[in-house]
PDB file of N, CA and C in Angstrom:
ATOM      1  N   MET A   1       4.554  -6.486 -17.438  1.00  0.00           N
ATOM      2  CA  MET A   1       4.655  -7.407 -16.371  1.00  0.00           C
ATOM      3  C   MET A   1       3.559  -7.185 -15.335  1.00  0.00           C
ATOM      4  N   THR A   2       2.907  -8.236 -14.878  1.00  0.00           N
ATOM      5  CA  THR A   2       1.974  -8.147 -13.797  1.00  0.00           C
ATOM      6  C   THR A   2       2.662  -8.493 -12.489  1.00  0.00           C
ATOM      7  N   TYR A   3       2.398  -7.746 -11.455  1.00  0.00           N
ATOM      8  CA  TYR A   3       3.056  -7.969 -10.179  1.00  0.00           C
ATOM      9  C   TYR A   3       2.014  -8.821  -9.337  1.00  0.00           C
ATOM     10  N   ARG A   4       2.613  -9.498  -8.377  1.00  0.00           N
ATOM     11  CA  ARG A   4       1.857 -10.314  -7.436  1.00  0.00           C
ATOM     12  C   ARG A   4       1.819  -9.619  -6.087  1.00  0.00           C
ATOM     13  N   ILE A   5       0.633  -9.352  -5.629  1.00  0.00           N
ATOM     14  CA  ILE A   5       0.436  -8.673  -4.286  1.00  0.00           C
ATOM     15  C   ILE A   5       0.305  -9.838  -3.245  1.00  0.00           C
ATOM     16  N   LEU A   6       1.092  -9.752  -2.203  1.00  0.00           N
ATOM     17  CA  LEU A   6       1.015 -10.749  -1.096  1.00  0.00           C
ATOM     18  C   LEU A   6       0.411 -10.040   0.104  1.00  0.00           C
ATOM     19  N   TYR A   7      -0.557 -10.657   0.738  1.00  0.00           N
ATOM     20  CA  TYR A   7      -1.324 -10.179   1.819  1.00  0.00           C
ATOM     21  C   TYR A   7      -1.044 -10.944   3.080  1.00  0.00           C
ATOM     22  N   PRO A   8      -0.001 -10.672   3.769  1.00  0.00           N
ATOM     23  CA  PRO A   8       0.272 -11.325   5.095  1.00  0.00           C
ATOM     24  C   PRO A   8      -0.874 -11.193   6.068  1.00  0.00           C
ATOM     25  N   ASP A   9      -1.080 -12.091   6.948  1.00  0.00           N
ATOM     26  CA  ASP A   9      -2.168 -12.117   7.946  1.00  0.00           C
ATOM     27  C   ASP A   9      -2.174 -10.787   8.752  1.00  0.00           C
ATOM     28  N   SER A  10      -0.956 -10.291   9.091  1.00  0.00           N
ATOM     29  CA  SER A  10      -0.863  -9.089   9.855  1.00  0.00           C
ATOM     30  C   SER A  10      -1.391  -7.872   9.040  1.00  0.00           C
ATOM     31  N   TYR A  11      -1.250  -7.876   7.767  1.00  0.00           N
ATOM     32  CA  TYR A  11      -1.790  -6.748   6.865  1.00  0.00           C
ATOM     33  C   TYR A  11      -3.301  -6.896   6.856  1.00  0.00           C
ATOM     34  N   VAL A  12      -3.752  -8.094   6.611  1.00  0.00           N
ATOM     35  CA  VAL A  12      -5.186  -8.264   6.424  1.00  0.00           C
ATOM     36  C   VAL A  12      -5.950  -7.829   7.706  1.00  0.00           C
ATOM     37  N   LYS A  13      -5.394  -8.173   8.814  1.00  0.00           N
ATOM     38  CA  LYS A  13      -6.025  -7.686  10.094  1.00  0.00           C
ATOM     39  C   LYS A  13      -6.016  -6.136  10.184  1.00  0.00           C
ATOM     40  N   ARG A  14      -4.903  -5.562   9.809  1.00  0.00           N
ATOM     41  CA  ARG A  14      -4.867  -4.071   9.914  1.00  0.00           C
ATOM     42  C   ARG A  14      -5.832  -3.434   8.892  1.00  0.00           C
ATOM     43  N   ALA A  15      -5.823  -4.021   7.693  1.00  0.00           N
ATOM     44  CA  ALA A  15      -6.700  -3.497   6.608  1.00  0.00           C
ATOM     45  C   ALA A  15      -8.198  -3.588   6.956  1.00  0.00           C
ATOM     46  N   LYS A  16      -8.594  -4.725   7.541  1.00  0.00           N
ATOM     47  CA  LYS A  16      -9.989  -4.822   7.955  1.00  0.00           C
ATOM     48  C   LYS A  16     -10.392  -3.753   8.981  1.00  0.00           C
ATOM     49  N   LYS A  17      -9.485  -3.545   9.945  1.00  0.00           N
ATOM     50  CA  LYS A  17      -9.765  -2.534  10.995  1.00  0.00           C
ATOM     51  C   LYS A  17      -9.822  -1.073  10.341  1.00  0.00           C
ATOM     52  N   PHE A  18      -8.827  -0.888   9.398  1.00  0.00           N
ATOM     53  CA  PHE A  18      -8.736   0.461   8.740  1.00  0.00           C
ATOM     54  C   PHE A  18     -10.087   0.716   7.935  1.00  0.00           C
ATOM     55  N   LEU A  19     -10.466  -0.293   7.164  1.00  0.00           N
ATOM     56  CA  LEU A  19     -11.661  -0.102   6.285  1.00  0.00           C
ATOM     57  C   LEU A  19     -12.917   0.028   7.081  1.00  0.00           C
ATOM     58  N   LYS A  20     -12.976  -0.658   8.227  1.00  0.00           N
ATOM     59  CA  LYS A  20     -14.146  -0.498   9.077  1.00  0.00           C
ATOM     60  C   LYS A  20     -14.301   0.879   9.626  1.00  0.00           C
ATOM     61  N   LYS A  21     -13.092   1.509   9.850  1.00  0.00           N
ATOM     62  CA  LYS A  21     -13.101   2.845  10.386  1.00  0.00           C
ATOM     63  C   LYS A  21     -13.279   3.893   9.309  1.00  0.00           C
ATOM     64  N   HIS A  22     -12.955   3.512   8.051  1.00  0.00           N
ATOM     65  CA  HIS A  22     -13.007   4.462   6.935  1.00  0.00           C
ATOM     66  C   HIS A  22     -13.701   3.848   5.728  1.00  0.00           C
ATOM     67  N   PRO A  23     -14.987   3.440   5.887  1.00  0.00           N
ATOM     68  CA  PRO A  23     -15.667   2.773   4.816  1.00  0.00           C
ATOM     69  C   PRO A  23     -15.865   3.639   3.554  1.00  0.00           C
ATOM     70  N   GLU A  24     -15.737   4.960   3.704  1.00  0.00           N
ATOM     71  CA  GLU A  24     -15.917   5.870   2.590  1.00  0.00           C
ATOM     72  C   GLU A  24     -14.803   5.819   1.533  1.00  0.00           C
ATOM     73  N   ILE A  25     -13.706   5.179   1.886  1.00  0.00           N
ATOM     74  CA  ILE A  25     -12.600   5.061   0.848  1.00  0.00           C
ATOM     75  C   ILE A  25     -12.473   3.688   0.351  1.00  0.00           C
ATOM     76  N   GLN A  26     -13.366   2.831   0.591  1.00  0.00           N
ATOM     77  CA  GLN A  26     -13.309   1.433   0.206  1.00  0.00           C
ATOM     78  C   GLN A  26     -12.998   1.336  -1.340  1.00  0.00           C
ATOM     79  N   ASN A  27     -13.735   2.104  -2.192  1.00  0.00           N
ATOM     80  CA  ASN A  27     -13.582   2.052  -3.594  1.00  0.00           C
ATOM     81  C   ASN A  27     -12.183   2.564  -4.000  1.00  0.00           C
ATOM     82  N   GLN A  28     -11.690   3.643  -3.375  1.00  0.00           N
ATOM     83  CA  GLN A  28     -10.412   4.216  -3.675  1.00  0.00           C
ATOM     84  C   GLN A  28      -9.277   3.129  -3.261  1.00  0.00           C
ATOM     85  N   TYR A  29      -9.476   2.511  -2.136  1.00  0.00           N
ATOM     86  CA  TYR A  29      -8.538   1.491  -1.718  1.00  0.00           C
ATOM     87  C   TYR A  29      -8.474   0.354  -2.713  1.00  0.00           C
ATOM     88  N   GLN A  30      -9.624  -0.140  -3.170  1.00  0.00           N
ATOM     89  CA  GLN A  30      -9.677  -1.256  -4.101  1.00  0.00           C
ATOM     90  C   GLN A  30      -8.985  -0.842  -5.388  1.00  0.00           C
ATOM     91  N   LYS A  31      -9.290   0.360  -5.931  1.00  0.00           N
ATOM     92  CA  LYS A  31      -8.673   0.838  -7.179  1.00  0.00           C
ATOM     93  C   LYS A  31      -7.133   0.937  -7.005  1.00  0.00           C
ATOM     94  N   THR A  32      -6.709   1.378  -5.851  1.00  0.00           N
ATOM     95  CA  THR A  32      -5.246   1.491  -5.576  1.00  0.00           C
ATOM     96  C   THR A  32      -4.598   0.114  -5.673  1.00  0.00           C
ATOM     97  N   LEU A  33      -5.216  -0.868  -5.099  1.00  0.00           N
ATOM     98  CA  LEU A  33      -4.608  -2.245  -5.173  1.00  0.00           C
ATOM     99  C   LEU A  33      -4.615  -2.778  -6.606  1.00  0.00           C
ATOM    100  N   GLU A  34      -5.731  -2.570  -7.333  1.00  0.00           N
ATOM    101  CA  GLU A  34      -5.789  -3.030  -8.708  1.00  0.00           C
ATOM    102  C   GLU A  34      -4.666  -2.380  -9.562  1.00  0.00           C
ATOM    103  N   LEU A  35      -4.499  -1.080  -9.385  1.00  0.00           N
ATOM    104  CA  LEU A  35      -3.512  -0.398 -10.184  1.00  0.00           C
ATOM    105  C   LEU A  35      -2.097  -0.786  -9.730  1.00  0.00           C
ATOM    106  N   LEU A  36      -1.890  -0.987  -8.520  1.00  0.00           N
ATOM    107  CA  LEU A  36      -0.568  -1.474  -7.978  1.00  0.00           C
ATOM    108  C   LEU A  36      -0.142  -2.733  -8.598  1.00  0.00           C
ATOM    109  N   GLU A  37      -1.132  -3.664  -8.767  1.00  0.00           N
ATOM    110  CA  GLU A  37      -0.899  -4.932  -9.366  1.00  0.00           C
ATOM    111  C   GLU A  37      -0.459  -4.863 -10.844  1.00  0.00           C
ATOM    112  N   ILE A  38      -1.161  -3.874 -11.507  1.00  0.00           N
ATOM    113  CA  ILE A  38      -0.912  -3.726 -12.943  1.00  0.00           C
ATOM    114  C   ILE A  38       0.388  -2.905 -13.253  1.00  0.00           C
ATOM    115  N   ASN A  39       0.459  -1.794 -12.522  1.00  0.00           N
ATOM    116  CA  ASN A  39       1.581  -0.865 -12.799  1.00  0.00           C
ATOM    117  C   ASN A  39       1.924  -0.038 -11.496  1.00  0.00           C
ATOM    118  N   PRO A  40       2.849  -0.647 -10.679  1.00  0.00           N
ATOM    119  CA  PRO A  40       3.201   0.128  -9.489  1.00  0.00           C
ATOM    120  C   PRO A  40       3.844   1.516  -9.696  1.00  0.00           C
ATOM    121  N   GLN A  41       4.323   1.713 -10.912  1.00  0.00           N
ATOM    122  CA  GLN A  41       4.958   3.013 -11.243  1.00  0.00           C
ATOM    123  C   GLN A  41       3.960   4.050 -11.755  1.00  0.00           C
ATOM    124  N   HIS A  42       2.682   3.751 -11.818  1.00  0.00           N
ATOM    125  CA  HIS A  42       1.655   4.661 -12.268  1.00  0.00           C
ATOM    126  C   HIS A  42       1.745   5.913 -11.455  1.00  0.00           C
ATOM    127  N   PRO A  43       1.831   7.131 -12.063  1.00  0.00           N
ATOM    128  CA  PRO A  43       1.934   8.376 -11.346  1.00  0.00           C
ATOM    129  C   PRO A  43       0.924   8.609 -10.281  1.00  0.00           C
ATOM    130  N   SER A  44      -0.294   8.180 -10.396  1.00  0.00           N
ATOM    131  CA  SER A  44      -1.348   8.503  -9.426  1.00  0.00           C
ATOM    132  C   SER A  44      -1.039   7.776  -8.069  1.00  0.00           C
ATOM    133  N   LEU A  45      -0.266   6.670  -8.099  1.00  0.00           N
ATOM    134  CA  LEU A  45       0.067   5.973  -6.926  1.00  0.00           C
ATOM    135  C   LEU A  45       1.152   6.702  -6.090  1.00  0.00           C
ATOM    136  N   ARG A  46       1.890   7.519  -6.696  1.00  0.00           N
ATOM    137  CA  ARG A  46       2.979   8.203  -6.003  1.00  0.00           C
ATOM    138  C   ARG A  46       3.898   7.299  -5.228  1.00  0.00           C
ATOM    139  N   LEU A  47       4.327   6.230  -5.853  1.00  0.00           N
ATOM    140  CA  LEU A  47       5.187   5.222  -5.254  1.00  0.00           C
ATOM    141  C   LEU A  47       6.491   5.933  -4.858  1.00  0.00           C
ATOM    142  N   HIS A  48       6.938   5.734  -3.625  1.00  0.00           N
ATOM    143  CA  HIS A  48       8.205   6.286  -3.226  1.00  0.00           C
ATOM    144  C   HIS A  48       8.779   5.571  -2.025  1.00  0.00           C
ATOM    145  N   GLY A  49      10.071   5.508  -1.951  1.00  0.00           N
ATOM    146  CA  GLY A  49      10.784   4.849  -0.833  1.00  0.00           C
ATOM    147  C   GLY A  49      10.706   5.747   0.366  1.00  0.00           C
ATOM    148  N   LEU A  50      10.700   5.055   1.504  1.00  0.00           N
ATOM    149  CA  LEU A  50      10.619   5.823   2.824  1.00  0.00           C
ATOM    150  C   LEU A  50      12.032   5.810   3.502  1.00  0.00           C
ATOM    151  N   HIS A  51      12.172   6.737   4.429  1.00  0.00           N
ATOM    152  CA  HIS A  51      13.449   6.983   5.089  1.00  0.00           C
ATOM    153  C   HIS A  51      13.267   6.835   6.625  1.00  0.00           C
ATOM    154  N   GLY A  52      14.379   6.912   7.325  1.00  0.00           N
ATOM    155  CA  GLY A  52      14.318   6.872   8.744  1.00  0.00           C
ATOM    156  C   GLY A  52      13.921   5.430   9.217  1.00  0.00           C
ATOM    157  N   ARG A  53      13.017   5.411  10.204  1.00  0.00           N
ATOM    158  CA  ARG A  53      12.554   4.151  10.775  1.00  0.00           C
ATOM    159  C   ARG A  53      11.970   3.229   9.758  1.00  0.00           C
ATOM    160  N   LEU A  54      11.436   3.781   8.676  1.00  0.00           N
ATOM    161  CA  LEU A  54      10.763   3.001   7.673  1.00  0.00           C
ATOM    162  C   LEU A  54      11.602   2.684   6.448  1.00  0.00           C
ATOM    163  N   GLU A  55      12.926   2.940   6.617  1.00  0.00           N
ATOM    164  CA  GLU A  55      13.872   2.657   5.547  1.00  0.00           C
ATOM    165  C   GLU A  55      13.677   1.230   4.993  1.00  0.00           C
ATOM    166  N   GLY A  56      13.661   1.058   3.723  1.00  0.00           N
ATOM    167  CA  GLY A  56      13.498  -0.286   3.070  1.00  0.00           C
ATOM    168  C   GLY A  56      12.074  -0.580   2.740  1.00  0.00           C
ATOM    169  N   LEU A  57      11.122   0.269   3.161  1.00  0.00           N
ATOM    170  CA  LEU A  57       9.735   0.140   2.808  1.00  0.00           C
ATOM    171  C   LEU A  57       9.359   1.217   1.767  1.00  0.00           C
ATOM    172  N   SER A  58       8.277   1.046   1.119  1.00  0.00           N
ATOM    173  CA  SER A  58       7.793   2.063   0.152  1.00  0.00           C
ATOM    174  C   SER A  58       6.376   2.403   0.553  1.00  0.00           C
ATOM    175  N   SER A  59       5.864   3.372  -0.140  1.00  0.00           N
ATOM    176  CA  SER A  59       4.525   3.853   0.134  1.00  0.00           C
ATOM    177  C   SER A  59       3.819   4.222  -1.151  1.00  0.00           C
ATOM    178  N   VAL A  60       2.520   3.880  -1.272  1.00  0.00           N
ATOM    179  CA  VAL A  60       1.696   4.348  -2.342  1.00  0.00           C
ATOM    180  C   VAL A  60       0.464   5.055  -1.694  1.00  0.00           C
ATOM    181  N   SER A  61      -0.031   6.056  -2.393  1.00  0.00           N
ATOM    182  CA  SER A  61      -1.149   6.778  -1.880  1.00  0.00           C
ATOM    183  C   SER A  61      -2.423   6.288  -2.342  1.00  0.00           C
ATOM    184  N   ILE A  62      -3.385   6.187  -1.400  1.00  0.00           N
ATOM    185  CA  ILE A  62      -4.728   5.837  -1.685  1.00  0.00           C
ATOM    186  C   ILE A  62      -5.480   7.131  -2.109  1.00  0.00           C
ATOM    187  N   ASN A  63      -5.173   8.224  -1.316  1.00  0.00           N
ATOM    188  CA  ASN A  63      -5.647   9.560  -1.674  1.00  0.00           C
ATOM    189  C   ASN A  63      -4.694  10.469  -0.880  1.00  0.00           C
ATOM    190  N   MET A  64      -5.047  11.730  -0.769  1.00  0.00           N
ATOM    191  CA  MET A  64      -4.117  12.717  -0.148  1.00  0.00           C
ATOM    192  C   MET A  64      -3.968  12.502   1.355  1.00  0.00           C
ATOM    193  N   SER A  65      -4.918  11.737   1.954  1.00  0.00           N
ATOM    194  CA  SER A  65      -4.803  11.510   3.431  1.00  0.00           C
ATOM    195  C   SER A  65      -4.277  10.116   3.843  1.00  0.00           C
ATOM    196  N   TYR A  66      -4.511   9.128   2.966  1.00  0.00           N
ATOM    197  CA  TYR A  66      -4.151   7.760   3.395  1.00  0.00           C
ATOM    198  C   TYR A  66      -3.245   7.008   2.382  1.00  0.00           C
ATOM    199  N   ARG A  67      -2.432   6.136   2.964  1.00  0.00           N
ATOM    200  CA  ARG A  67      -1.448   5.461   2.162  1.00  0.00           C
ATOM    201  C   ARG A  67      -1.380   3.960   2.521  1.00  0.00           C
ATOM    202  N   ILE A  68      -0.702   3.206   1.718  1.00  0.00           N
ATOM    203  CA  ILE A  68      -0.441   1.757   1.973  1.00  0.00           C
ATOM    204  C   ILE A  68       1.080   1.658   1.984  1.00  0.00           C
ATOM    205  N   LEU A  69       1.653   1.115   3.146  1.00  0.00           N
ATOM    206  CA  LEU A  69       3.064   0.856   3.236  1.00  0.00           C
ATOM    207  C   LEU A  69       3.281  -0.542   2.670  1.00  0.00           C
ATOM    208  N   LEU A  70       4.419  -0.678   1.931  1.00  0.00           N
ATOM    209  CA  LEU A  70       4.618  -1.999   1.281  1.00  0.00           C
ATOM    210  C   LEU A  70       6.066  -2.269   1.159  1.00  0.00           C
ATOM    211  N   GLU A  71       6.405  -3.477   0.994  1.00  0.00           N
ATOM    212  CA  GLU A  71       7.730  -3.977   0.623  1.00  0.00           C
ATOM    213  C   GLU A  71       7.700  -4.346  -0.790  1.00  0.00           C
ATOM    214  N   PHE A  72       8.456  -3.640  -1.616  1.00  0.00           N
ATOM    215  CA  PHE A  72       8.405  -3.804  -3.057  1.00  0.00           C
ATOM    216  C   PHE A  72       9.641  -4.504  -3.527  1.00  0.00           C
ATOM    217  N   ILE A  73       9.488  -5.741  -3.926  1.00  0.00           N
ATOM    218  CA  ILE A  73      10.643  -6.562  -4.391  1.00  0.00           C
ATOM    219  C   ILE A  73      10.601  -6.698  -5.832  1.00  0.00           C
ATOM    220  N   ILE A  74      11.375  -5.839  -6.557  1.00  0.00           N
ATOM    221  CA  ILE A  74      11.283  -5.767  -7.934  1.00  0.00           C
ATOM    222  C   ILE A  74      11.702  -7.027  -8.690  1.00  0.00           C
ATOM    223  N   ARG A  75      12.780  -7.589  -8.227  1.00  0.00           N
ATOM    224  CA  ARG A  75      13.362  -8.767  -8.923  1.00  0.00           C
ATOM    225  C   ARG A  75      12.443  -9.990  -8.977  1.00  0.00           C
ATOM    226  N   ASP A  76      11.575 -10.171  -8.037  1.00  0.00           N
ATOM    227  CA  ASP A  76      10.669 -11.281  -7.959  1.00  0.00           C
ATOM    228  C   ASP A  76       9.295 -10.896  -8.458  1.00  0.00           C
ATOM    229  N   GLY A  77       9.047  -9.571  -8.622  1.00  0.00           N
ATOM    230  CA  GLY A  77       7.647  -9.149  -8.983  1.00  0.00           C
ATOM    231  C   GLY A  77       6.709  -9.227  -7.868  1.00  0.00           C
ATOM    232  N   ASP A  78       7.209  -9.309  -6.652  1.00  0.00           N
ATOM    233  CA  ASP A  78       6.267  -9.477  -5.483  1.00  0.00           C
ATOM    234  C   ASP A  78       6.166  -8.060  -4.820  1.00  0.00           C
ATOM    235  N   ILE A  79       4.944  -7.774  -4.425  1.00  0.00           N
ATOM    236  CA  ILE A  79       4.635  -6.677  -3.588  1.00  0.00           C
ATOM    237  C   ILE A  79       4.026  -7.130  -2.324  1.00  0.00           C
ATOM    238  N   ILE A  80       4.722  -6.936  -1.164  1.00  0.00           N
ATOM    239  CA  ILE A  80       4.208  -7.452   0.100  1.00  0.00           C
ATOM    240  C   ILE A  80       3.720  -6.264   0.876  1.00  0.00           C
ATOM    241  N   LEU A  81       2.384  -6.336   1.170  1.00  0.00           N
ATOM    242  CA  LEU A  81       1.719  -5.186   1.860  1.00  0.00           C
ATOM    243  C   LEU A  81       2.078  -5.335   3.348  1.00  0.00           C
ATOM    244  N   VAL A  82       2.302  -4.169   3.987  1.00  0.00           N
ATOM    245  CA  VAL A  82       2.779  -4.145   5.371  1.00  0.00           C
ATOM    246  C   VAL A  82       1.720  -3.489   6.295  1.00  0.00           C
ATOM    247  N   ASP A  83       1.239  -2.285   5.828  1.00  0.00           N
ATOM    248  CA  ASP A  83       0.307  -1.539   6.690  1.00  0.00           C
ATOM    249  C   ASP A  83      -0.432  -0.553   5.875  1.00  0.00           C
ATOM    250  N   VAL A  84      -1.574  -0.087   6.345  1.00  0.00           N
ATOM    251  CA  VAL A  84      -2.431   0.901   5.679  1.00  0.00           C
ATOM    252  C   VAL A  84      -2.806   1.886   6.816  1.00  0.00           C
ATOM    253  N   GLY A  85      -2.792   3.174   6.405  1.00  0.00           N
ATOM    254  CA  GLY A  85      -3.143   4.214   7.393  1.00  0.00           C
ATOM    255  C   GLY A  85      -2.936   5.602   6.804  1.00  0.00           C
ATOM    256  N   ASN A  86      -2.949   6.581   7.666  1.00  0.00           N
ATOM    257  CA  ASN A  86      -2.796   7.953   7.237  1.00  0.00           C
ATOM    258  C   ASN A  86      -1.290   8.249   7.019  1.00  0.00           C
ATOM    259  N   HIS A  87      -0.955   9.304   6.258  1.00  0.00           N
ATOM    260  CA  HIS A  87       0.402   9.653   5.925  1.00  0.00           C
ATOM    261  C   HIS A  87       1.269   9.961   7.134  1.00  0.00           C
ATOM    262  N   ASP A  88       0.723  10.336   8.213  1.00  0.00           N
ATOM    263  CA  ASP A  88       1.503  10.705   9.434  1.00  0.00           C
ATOM    264  C   ASP A  88       1.706   9.545  10.364  1.00  0.00           C
ATOM    265  N   GLN A  89       0.934   8.440  10.139  1.00  0.00           N
ATOM    266  CA  GLN A  89       1.032   7.281  10.976  1.00  0.00           C
ATOM    267  C   GLN A  89       2.397   6.566  10.771  1.00  0.00           C
ATOM    268  N   VAL A  90       3.007   6.187  11.850  1.00  0.00           N
ATOM    269  CA  VAL A  90       4.262   5.471  11.776  1.00  0.00           C
ATOM    270  C   VAL A  90       3.993   3.992  12.062  1.00  0.00           C
ATOM    271  N   TYR A  91       4.453   3.097  11.194  1.00  0.00           N
ATOM    272  CA  TYR A  91       4.264   1.673  11.410  1.00  0.00           C
ATOM    273  C   TYR A  91       4.894   1.134  12.648  1.00  0.00           C
TER     274      TYR A  91
END
């Protein structure tokens, strides 16, 4: 099954700002999105649900320092991107 990634305007704005600040991870970021679309369960993405304030959202890793927060709706095959940033950043 191929998943559909949805890019809300709020995410696109955050992602542009993030990538402008961290151009060195552009390729890793792109590879993460491509893999997410093909197989969100791939071990290298380290997909996991979040707790506390971010309950209901999930996270995938771009690398050991940065992640993408997302809403993962399995029944519809949609992945809605929410935010991108470091692992300590709170949405």
